Amino acid sequence: MHGVADSIGFQMSLLLFTALGGYQIAARIAQPAVVGVILAGIVIGPSVLGWVTYTSFVKSIAHLGAIILLFVIGLEFKIRTISNWRYVIMGLGMVPRGEVAMIIALLALNEKIIEQPAYVALIMMSLLTTLIVPLVLKDWVYVNEQSK
């Protein structure tokens, strides 16, 4: 990227429009907006497409975004969700699977079996599958309980 694409204004505009797109997509598939915004940021960031470079300005915005993310998670958290132990057990059951996948990916990176982009992709897939499967199963169980 050279010229206009390197400017902070262009990159911030790209970040904002992509965040809006991620929000819209997440809303259409009944996922939290935070998930869509984070995935959109990963896709346009230096790890995948590289449309936004990691400068000190972007780093500052990322820190601010992390603070806002924690605030939004706190707003959306409902204690009733974890009061049903079946859902908690379902979610906790996926944690070892994600840990094993991340350990294998790290070992492969350290042994030079895979490169950095493949490592990032494996970590993203591991996190997504570890986090999304319990949500889908929870919805599936809820729908089946309602149909009885």
Protein backbone atom coordinates (compact mmCIF):
# COMPACT_ATOMS: atom_id res chain seq x y z
CA MET A 1 0.00 0.00 0.00
CA HIS A 2 1.33 3.40 -0.92
CA GLY A 3 0.00 6.94 -0.90
CA VAL A 4 -3.56 7.37 0.29
CA ALA A 5 -3.79 3.78 1.54
CA ASP A 6 -0.93 4.43 4.00
CA SER A 7 -2.63 7.47 5.56
CA ILE A 8 -4.06 7.22 9.04
CA GLY A 9 -7.35 8.70 7.84
CA PHE A 10 -7.82 5.98 5.22
CA GLN A 11 -6.92 3.21 7.63
CA MET A 12 -9.28 4.57 10.31
CA SER A 13 -12.08 4.87 7.75
CA LEU A 14 -11.40 1.31 6.63
CA LEU A 15 -11.46 0.13 10.25
CA LEU A 16 -14.76 1.88 10.97
CA PHE A 17 -16.52 0.68 7.82
CA THR A 18 -15.25 -2.85 8.34
CA ALA A 19 -16.41 -2.78 11.97
CA LEU A 20 -19.84 -1.70 10.78
CA GLY A 21 -19.87 -4.54 8.25
CA GLY A 22 -18.80 -7.03 10.92
CA TYR A 23 -21.56 -5.77 13.17
CA GLN A 24 -24.16 -6.18 10.42
CA ILE A 25 -23.02 -9.71 9.55
CA ALA A 26 -22.96 -10.77 13.20
CA ALA A 27 -26.46 -9.39 13.73
CA ARG A 28 -27.77 -11.32 10.70
CA ILE A 29 -26.40 -14.63 12.00
CA ALA A 30 -27.59 -13.95 15.57
CA GLN A 31 -24.14 -13.56 17.08
CA PRO A 32 -22.93 -10.81 19.42
CA ALA A 33 -21.76 -7.68 17.62
CA VAL A 34 -18.39 -7.95 19.33
CA VAL A 35 -17.69 -11.23 17.52
CA GLY A 36 -18.36 -9.68 14.12
CA VAL A 37 -16.25 -6.61 14.82
CA ILE A 38 -13.29 -8.65 16.09
CA LEU A 39 -13.40 -11.02 13.12
CA ALA A 40 -13.60 -8.10 10.69
CA GLY A 41 -10.57 -6.51 12.36
CA ILE A 42 -8.59 -9.74 12.13
CA VAL A 43 -9.40 -10.09 8.44
CA ILE A 44 -8.27 -6.59 7.41
CA GLY A 45 -5.36 -6.48 9.84
CA PRO A 46 -1.73 -7.41 9.20
CA SER A 47 -2.31 -11.10 10.00
CA VAL A 48 -4.63 -11.86 7.05
CA LEU A 49 -5.13 -9.24 4.32
CA GLY A 50 -2.72 -6.58 5.59
CA TRP A 51 -4.91 -3.64 4.59
CA VAL A 52 -4.24 -1.96 7.95
CA THR A 53 -0.63 -1.81 9.10
CA TYR A 54 0.36 -2.00 12.74
CA THR A 55 1.55 1.52 13.55
CA SER A 56 1.78 3.24 16.93
CA PHE A 57 -1.51 5.01 16.19
CA VAL A 58 -3.28 1.74 15.39
CA LYS A 59 -1.73 0.23 18.53
CA SER A 60 -3.23 3.05 20.62
CA ILE A 61 -6.63 2.53 19.01
CA ALA A 62 -6.32 -1.24 19.65
CA HIS A 63 -5.72 -0.61 23.36
CA LEU A 64 -8.77 1.65 23.49
CA GLY A 65 -10.76 -1.00 21.63
CA ALA A 66 -9.74 -3.64 24.18
CA ILE A 67 -11.05 -1.45 27.00
CA ILE A 68 -14.32 -0.87 25.16
CA LEU A 69 -14.57 -4.61 24.41
CA LEU A 70 -14.33 -5.48 28.10
CA PHE A 71 -16.96 -2.85 28.88
CA VAL A 72 -19.35 -4.21 26.22
CA ILE A 73 -18.83 -7.79 27.43
CA GLY A 74 -19.73 -6.63 30.92
CA LEU A 75 -22.91 -5.01 29.61
CA GLU A 76 -23.99 -8.10 27.68
CA PHE A 77 -23.17 -10.60 30.44
CA LYS A 78 -26.19 -12.22 32.04
CA ILE A 79 -25.66 -14.24 35.21
CA ARG A 80 -28.75 -16.32 34.35
CA THR A 81 -26.88 -17.77 31.37
CA ILE A 82 -24.32 -19.49 33.55
CA SER A 83 -26.82 -20.49 36.21
CA ASN A 84 -27.85 -23.46 34.06
CA TRP A 85 -25.03 -25.94 34.65
CA ARG A 86 -25.66 -27.86 31.43
CA TYR A 87 -24.51 -24.83 29.43
CA VAL A 88 -21.46 -24.31 31.62
CA ILE A 89 -20.42 -27.95 31.30
CA MET A 90 -20.94 -27.81 27.55
CA GLY A 91 -18.67 -24.77 27.28
CA LEU A 92 -16.01 -26.09 29.64
CA GLY A 93 -15.93 -29.37 27.72
CA MET A 94 -14.59 -27.54 24.67
CA VAL A 95 -11.67 -25.86 26.50
CA PRO A 96 -9.26 -28.84 26.43
CA ARG A 97 -9.92 -29.29 22.71
CA GLY A 98 -8.94 -25.68 22.07
CA GLU A 99 -5.88 -25.93 24.29
CA VAL A 100 -4.59 -29.03 22.50
CA ALA A 101 -5.08 -27.38 19.10
CA MET A 102 -3.18 -24.27 20.21
CA ILE A 103 -0.33 -26.30 21.71
CA ILE A 104 0.05 -28.33 18.52
CA ALA A 105 0.02 -25.14 16.43
CA LEU A 106 2.70 -23.58 18.65
CA LEU A 107 4.87 -26.69 18.47
CA ALA A 108 4.53 -26.72 14.68
CA LEU A 109 5.54 -23.05 14.54
CA ASN A 110 8.55 -23.59 16.82
CA GLU A 111 9.72 -26.58 14.78
CA LYS A 112 9.37 -24.55 11.54
CA ILE A 113 6.74 -26.95 10.20
CA ILE A 114 4.39 -24.03 9.53
CA GLU A 115 4.92 -20.31 8.93
CA GLN A 116 3.49 -17.41 10.93
CA PRO A 117 0.39 -16.86 8.70
CA ALA A 118 -0.58 -20.53 8.99
CA TYR A 119 -0.06 -20.34 12.76
CA VAL A 120 -2.37 -17.32 13.01
CA ALA A 121 -4.99 -19.11 10.90
CA LEU A 122 -4.79 -22.23 13.09
CA ILE A 123 -5.13 -20.21 16.29
CA MET A 124 -8.10 -18.31 14.85
CA MET A 125 -9.81 -21.52 13.75
CA SER A 126 -9.13 -23.14 17.12
CA LEU A 127 -10.57 -20.18 19.00
CA LEU A 128 -13.58 -19.87 16.74
CA THR A 129 -14.48 -23.53 16.81
CA THR A 130 -13.91 -23.71 20.56
CA LEU A 131 -16.13 -20.68 21.19
CA ILE A 132 -18.83 -21.15 18.54
CA VAL A 133 -19.64 -24.85 19.00
CA PRO A 134 -20.93 -24.42 22.58
CA LEU A 135 -23.11 -21.49 21.46
CA VAL A 136 -24.59 -23.53 18.62
CA LEU A 137 -25.15 -26.52 20.90
CA LYS A 138 -26.75 -24.29 23.52
CA ASP A 139 -29.18 -22.89 20.94
CA TRP A 140 -29.87 -26.39 19.64
CA VAL A 141 -30.63 -27.67 23.15
CA TYR A 142 -32.82 -24.63 23.83
CA VAL A 143 -34.81 -25.13 20.61
CA ASN A 144 -35.26 -28.84 21.36
CA GLU A 145 -36.44 -28.05 24.90
CA GLN A 146 -38.96 -25.53 23.58
CA SER A 147 -40.37 -28.01 21.05
CA LYS A 148 -41.21 -30.56 23.77
